[in-house]
Protein backbone atom coordinates (compact mmCIF):
# COMPACT_ATOMS: atom_id res chain seq x y z
CA MET A 1 -1.64 19.98 -1.29
CA THR A 2 -4.56 20.98 0.82
CA PRO A 3 -7.67 18.77 1.29
CA GLN A 4 -9.74 21.41 -0.68
CA ALA A 5 -7.27 21.26 -3.63
CA GLU A 6 -7.14 17.65 -3.72
CA THR A 7 -10.99 17.35 -3.89
CA GLN A 8 -10.71 19.44 -7.14
CA THR A 9 -8.36 16.84 -8.83
CA LYS A 10 -8.74 13.14 -9.62
CA PRO A 11 -6.30 10.97 -7.48
CA LEU A 12 -4.58 8.05 -9.48
CA VAL A 13 -1.80 5.76 -8.53
CA LEU A 14 0.89 5.48 -11.25
CA CYS A 15 2.82 2.39 -10.64
CA ALA A 16 5.96 1.33 -12.47
CA ASP A 17 6.27 -2.50 -12.65
CA ASP A 18 9.31 -4.74 -12.87
CA TYR A 19 11.65 -2.74 -10.51
CA ALA A 20 14.98 -4.64 -10.30
CA GLN A 21 14.49 -6.55 -13.50
CA SER A 22 17.48 -4.82 -14.99
CA ALA A 23 19.65 -1.77 -14.21
CA GLY A 24 17.94 0.37 -16.88
CA ILE A 25 14.51 -0.35 -15.53
CA SER A 26 15.55 0.48 -11.95
CA GLN A 27 17.44 3.57 -12.95
CA ALA A 28 14.32 4.83 -14.94
CA ILE A 29 12.00 4.25 -12.00
CA GLN A 30 14.37 5.86 -9.46
CA ALA A 31 14.58 8.98 -11.67
CA LEU A 32 10.94 9.15 -12.31
CA ALA A 33 10.07 8.76 -8.66
CA GLN A 34 12.58 11.28 -7.63
CA ALA A 35 10.90 13.78 -10.12
CA GLY A 36 7.44 13.00 -8.65
CA ARG A 37 6.36 11.28 -11.90
CA LEU A 38 5.29 8.07 -10.20
CA SER A 39 3.59 7.25 -6.94
CA ALA A 40 4.35 3.48 -6.72
CA THR A 41 6.57 0.77 -7.93
CA SER A 42 6.50 -3.06 -7.93
CA ALA A 43 9.67 -5.11 -7.23
CA MET A 44 10.90 -8.32 -8.70
CA VAL A 45 12.56 -9.61 -5.57
CA LEU A 46 13.84 -12.84 -7.14
CA SER A 47 16.16 -10.76 -9.26
CA PRO A 48 19.77 -10.80 -8.05
CA ARG A 49 19.61 -7.02 -8.32
CA TRP A 50 17.01 -6.62 -5.56
CA PRO A 51 19.32 -6.06 -2.54
CA GLU A 52 21.31 -3.26 -4.17
CA ASP A 53 18.17 -1.71 -5.95
CA ALA A 54 16.21 -1.78 -2.64
CA ALA A 55 19.09 0.15 -1.04
CA ALA A 56 18.91 2.71 -3.90
CA LEU A 57 15.15 3.29 -3.12
CA GLN A 58 15.69 4.12 0.57
CA ALA A 59 15.87 7.85 0.02
CA LEU A 60 12.31 7.75 -1.41
CA ARG A 61 10.86 5.96 1.50
CA GLY A 62 7.60 7.44 2.54
CA ARG A 63 7.19 9.22 -0.82
CA LEU A 64 6.51 6.13 -2.92
CA ASP A 65 4.56 2.97 -2.51
CA VAL A 66 7.07 0.08 -2.86
CA GLY A 67 5.35 -3.23 -3.37
CA LEU A 68 6.02 -6.90 -4.20
CA HIS A 69 5.64 -7.82 -7.92
CA LEU A 70 4.83 -11.52 -7.24
CA ASP A 71 6.58 -13.61 -9.84
CA TRP A 72 5.84 -16.99 -11.36
CA THR A 73 6.71 -16.38 -15.08
CA SER A 74 10.10 -14.74 -15.33
CA PRO A 75 13.47 -16.47 -15.70
CA PHE A 76 14.11 -15.50 -12.13
CA ALA A 77 11.07 -17.46 -10.99
CA VAL A 78 12.20 -20.52 -13.13
CA ALA A 79 15.67 -20.30 -11.56
CA ALA A 80 14.00 -20.24 -8.17
CA GLY A 81 12.33 -23.58 -8.92
CA HIS A 82 8.60 -22.65 -9.17
CA GLY A 83 8.48 -20.66 -12.43
CA MET A 84 7.16 -21.52 -15.82
CA GLY A 85 6.07 -19.66 -19.01
CA LEU A 86 2.96 -17.61 -18.99
CA GLY A 87 1.05 -19.83 -21.30
CA ALA A 88 1.72 -22.83 -18.94
CA ALA A 89 0.82 -20.82 -15.92
CA MET A 90 -2.54 -19.78 -17.41
CA LEU A 91 -3.44 -23.32 -18.41
CA ARG A 92 -2.62 -24.55 -14.89
CA ALA A 93 -4.75 -21.89 -13.43
CA LEU A 94 -7.72 -22.76 -15.77
CA ALA A 95 -7.24 -26.54 -15.28
CA GLY A 96 -7.87 -26.67 -11.52
CA GLY A 97 -5.36 -24.12 -10.31
CA PHE A 98 -1.96 -24.33 -8.68
CA ASP A 99 -1.18 -26.50 -5.65
CA ARG A 100 -1.86 -24.19 -2.77
CA SER A 101 0.66 -25.50 -0.40
CA ARG A 102 3.48 -25.05 -2.98
CA ALA A 103 2.13 -21.75 -3.88
CA ARG A 104 2.02 -20.62 -0.35
CA ASP A 105 5.84 -21.53 0.09
CA ALA A 106 6.78 -19.60 -3.11
CA ILE A 107 4.76 -16.53 -2.00
CA GLU A 108 6.22 -16.63 1.56
CA ARG A 109 9.69 -16.88 0.16
CA GLN A 110 9.09 -13.73 -2.03
CA LEU A 111 7.51 -11.70 1.01
CA ASP A 112 10.57 -12.66 3.15
CA ARG A 113 13.06 -11.56 0.52
CA PHE A 114 11.10 -8.29 -0.02
CA GLU A 115 11.33 -7.62 3.79
CA ALA A 116 14.95 -8.68 4.15
CA HIS A 117 16.08 -5.90 1.92
CA TRP A 118 13.46 -3.21 2.22
CA HIS A 119 13.21 -3.72 6.04
CA ALA A 120 9.45 -3.32 5.92
CA ALA A 121 6.36 -4.90 4.71
CA PRO A 122 5.36 -4.22 1.11
CA ASP A 123 2.95 -1.38 0.52
CA HIS A 124 1.04 -3.42 -1.95
CA VAL A 125 1.19 -6.73 -3.77
CA ASP A 126 0.53 -7.32 -7.46
CA GLY A 127 1.79 -9.85 -9.95
CA HIS A 128 4.17 -10.11 -12.87
CA GLN A 129 1.89 -10.88 -15.78
CA HIS A 130 -0.98 -10.65 -13.36
CA VAL A 131 -0.35 -14.03 -11.62
CA GLN A 132 -1.62 -12.66 -8.33
CA GLN A 133 -5.17 -13.45 -9.64
CA PHE A 134 -4.57 -17.01 -10.79
CA ALA A 135 -6.42 -19.89 -9.07
CA GLY A 136 -4.24 -21.58 -6.42
CA ILE A 137 -2.17 -18.44 -6.05
CA ARG A 138 -4.76 -15.93 -5.01
CA GLU A 139 -6.11 -17.93 -2.13
CA PRO A 140 -2.87 -18.42 -0.30
CA LEU A 141 -1.80 -14.96 -1.11
CA VAL A 142 -4.73 -13.37 0.57
CA GLU A 143 -4.31 -15.85 3.55
CA LEU A 144 -0.69 -14.83 3.92
CA LEU A 145 -1.28 -11.04 3.75
CA ALA A 146 -4.11 -11.36 6.38
CA ARG A 147 -1.96 -13.43 8.66
CA ARG A 148 1.20 -11.68 8.39
CA TYR A 149 0.17 -8.04 8.27
CA GLY A 150 -3.48 -7.80 9.50
CA ALA A 151 -5.64 -4.75 8.86
CA ARG A 152 -2.83 -2.45 8.25
CA GLY A 153 -1.16 -4.58 5.69
CA PRO A 154 -0.53 -4.23 1.96
CA TRP A 155 -3.24 -3.35 -0.60
CA LEU A 156 -3.83 -5.75 -3.51
CA ARG A 157 -4.02 -4.75 -7.15
CA LEU A 158 -6.87 -6.22 -9.07
CA SER A 159 -6.14 -6.54 -12.84
CA ARG A 160 -9.71 -5.37 -13.96
CA THR A 161 -9.85 -2.51 -16.27
CA PRO A 162 -12.48 0.23 -15.73
CA THR A 163 -16.10 -0.15 -16.95
CA GLY A 164 -16.34 0.25 -20.63
CA THR A 165 -12.95 -1.16 -21.63
CA THR A 166 -13.60 -3.69 -24.42
CA ASP A 167 -10.26 -4.74 -25.85
CA LEU A 168 -9.44 -8.39 -25.83
CA LYS A 169 -6.28 -8.23 -23.80
CA SER A 170 -7.92 -6.40 -20.96
CA ARG A 171 -10.83 -8.79 -20.96
CA VAL A 172 -8.65 -11.84 -20.83
CA ILE A 173 -6.56 -10.51 -18.05
CA ALA A 174 -9.60 -9.67 -16.01
CA ALA A 175 -11.08 -13.10 -16.70
CA MET A 176 -8.10 -14.74 -15.05
CA GLY A 177 -9.50 -14.09 -11.57
CA ALA A 178 -9.99 -10.40 -10.86
CA ASN A 179 -13.56 -10.79 -9.43
CA ARG A 180 -12.65 -13.82 -7.44
CA LEU A 181 -9.59 -12.14 -5.87
CA GLU A 182 -11.67 -9.14 -5.06
CA LYS A 183 -14.25 -11.37 -3.20
CA ILE A 184 -11.81 -13.34 -1.20
CA ALA A 185 -9.72 -10.23 -0.24
CA ALA A 186 -12.86 -8.35 0.98
CA THR A 187 -13.79 -11.50 3.10
CA ALA A 188 -10.36 -11.55 4.66
CA GLY A 189 -10.27 -7.80 5.21
CA VAL A 190 -7.48 -7.13 2.84
CA ALA A 191 -7.72 -3.90 0.94
CA SER A 192 -7.62 -3.86 -2.90
CA ALA A 193 -7.61 -1.43 -5.72
CA ALA A 194 -10.61 -2.23 -7.90
CA ALA A 195 -9.52 -0.89 -11.26
CA LEU A 196 -6.37 -1.15 -13.43
CA SER A 197 -5.55 0.98 -16.41
CA GLY A 198 -2.45 1.20 -18.58
CA ILE A 199 -2.99 -2.10 -20.58
CA TYR A 200 -1.99 -1.98 -24.14
CA ASP A 201 -0.17 -4.21 -26.68
CA PHE A 202 3.33 -2.64 -26.32
CA ASP A 203 3.24 -1.84 -30.13
CA GLY A 204 3.67 1.59 -31.71
CA ASP A 205 6.12 4.39 -30.62
CA GLN A 206 6.44 7.21 -28.20
CA ALA A 207 3.76 9.36 -29.94
CA ARG A 208 1.23 6.38 -29.79
CA TYR A 209 2.05 5.95 -26.15
CA ALA A 210 1.48 9.56 -25.44
CA GLU A 211 -1.94 9.21 -26.98
CA HIS A 212 -2.64 6.20 -24.76
CA MET A 213 -1.62 8.02 -21.70
CA ALA A 214 -3.88 10.99 -22.50
CA HIS A 215 -6.76 8.59 -22.92
CA TRP A 216 -5.96 6.73 -19.57
CA LEU A 217 -5.58 9.95 -17.64
CA GLU A 218 -8.89 11.38 -18.96
CA HIS A 219 -11.04 8.20 -18.63
CA SER A 220 -9.61 6.29 -15.63
CA PRO A 221 -11.88 6.74 -12.65
CA ALA A 222 -10.65 8.19 -9.39
CA ALA A 223 -8.56 5.79 -7.24
CA CYS A 224 -7.53 3.76 -10.35
CA VAL A 225 -4.14 2.16 -10.60
CA LEU A 226 -2.37 3.16 -13.86
CA MET A 227 0.57 0.80 -14.54
CA CYS A 228 3.56 1.55 -16.63
CA HIS A 229 6.75 -0.17 -17.65
CA PRO A 230 9.55 2.43 -18.10
CA GLY A 231 13.18 1.52 -18.72
CA LYS A 232 16.30 3.36 -19.75
CA PRO A 233 18.57 1.65 -22.38
CA ALA A 234 21.52 0.60 -20.15
CA PRO A 235 24.06 -2.30 -20.39
CA ASP A 236 23.19 -5.08 -18.00
CA ALA A 237 24.68 -8.48 -18.89
CA SER A 238 22.90 -10.22 -16.07
CA ALA A 239 19.34 -9.14 -17.03
CA PRO A 240 17.18 -11.69 -18.87
CA PRO A 241 16.03 -10.81 -22.49
CA ASP A 242 13.19 -8.27 -22.57
CA ALA A 243 10.51 -8.51 -25.15
CA ILE A 244 9.25 -5.06 -24.45
CA ALA A 245 12.52 -3.18 -24.26
CA ALA A 246 11.54 -0.75 -27.04
CA ALA A 247 8.25 0.16 -25.29
CA ARG A 248 10.17 0.67 -21.99
CA ALA A 249 12.40 3.21 -23.70
CA TRP A 250 9.53 5.26 -25.18
CA GLU A 251 7.56 4.99 -21.86
CA TRP A 252 10.59 6.36 -20.06
CA GLU A 253 10.98 9.28 -22.49
CA HIS A 254 7.35 10.21 -22.27
CA LEU A 255 6.94 10.03 -18.52
CA ARG A 256 9.91 12.28 -17.93
CA SER A 257 8.80 14.73 -20.67
CA SER A 258 7.07 18.12 -20.38
CA ARG A 259 4.26 16.74 -22.45
CA PHE A 260 3.42 14.19 -19.61
CA ALA A 261 3.37 17.05 -17.09
CA ASP A 262 0.99 18.92 -19.34
CA GLN A 263 -1.21 15.85 -19.64
CA LEU A 264 -1.42 15.56 -15.83
CA ALA A 265 -2.44 19.19 -15.56
CA ALA A 266 -4.97 19.03 -18.49
CA SER A 267 -6.66 15.98 -16.94
CA ARG A 268 -6.50 17.40 -13.44
CA VAL A 269 -4.84 14.24 -12.15
CA THR A 270 -2.87 14.09 -8.80
CA LEU A 271 -0.56 11.10 -8.40
CA VAL A 272 -0.98 9.62 -4.91
CA ARG A 273 0.19 6.64 -3.01
CA GLY A 274 -2.17 3.86 -2.93
CA GLY A 275 -2.08 3.61 0.85
CA ARG A 276 -3.81 7.00 0.94
CA LEU A 277 -6.69 5.60 -1.19
CA PHE A 278 -7.19 2.00 -0.20
CA CYS A 279 -5.93 1.61 3.35
CA ARG A 280 -4.52 3.49 6.39
CA LEU A 281 -1.01 4.59 6.25
CA SER A 282 1.13 3.91 9.49
């Protein structure tokens, strides 16, 4: 696309979360990325699937941002020794925050595991259930990104919805530390994406999701990150229970459909890698 054409469209990052959580999720993300229906994905590197699923993404290197989905609240994190349920994690964050030294160790282990199998630094870092913003996690996270990668390091996702979003879920997520994370990242010279769209209650059906997507594409500001959670129904005995499996299936069906392509065209949205928007690509 020429620079002139790109100025006539709205650039958004469409990021599929939870890569490597299960076979069906990884397969859906691979297929959508290959078709140009995504521009980023975030990997759960504590999953035993990560080594093989990282290898499966190699053909898309350079076409897709591949980032770390920092994990404190999945069964993988519990098995790793630092995890807990989301409710407990939120309470700890609100009651003084996580122990920074222990959090630093957990973050560093996940960065190491990411690099060991992707053979490069993450393009971005966000968090499973938005834990990257939590007090006691956000501070060592920014310190580590600045120390390990410098000015050309990963961009950070802020879980703050665009101005004018009023639903309770979005406001609660942002209140868990989006503004504070933005400030400490800016001070440390770590790039960040200021707005996040795609938050909903995972209720409804494919038709309702299509309506959500039309709204997000139309009303998200340029350079917004739009998250999604697609997954194909696929047998995977090793995967943990998935409370949003039904939503994953209808997201997958919509994102691969001609209707989604029509929505992109109607809203004049171009899907781009976050590195082109938030930091310099190497």
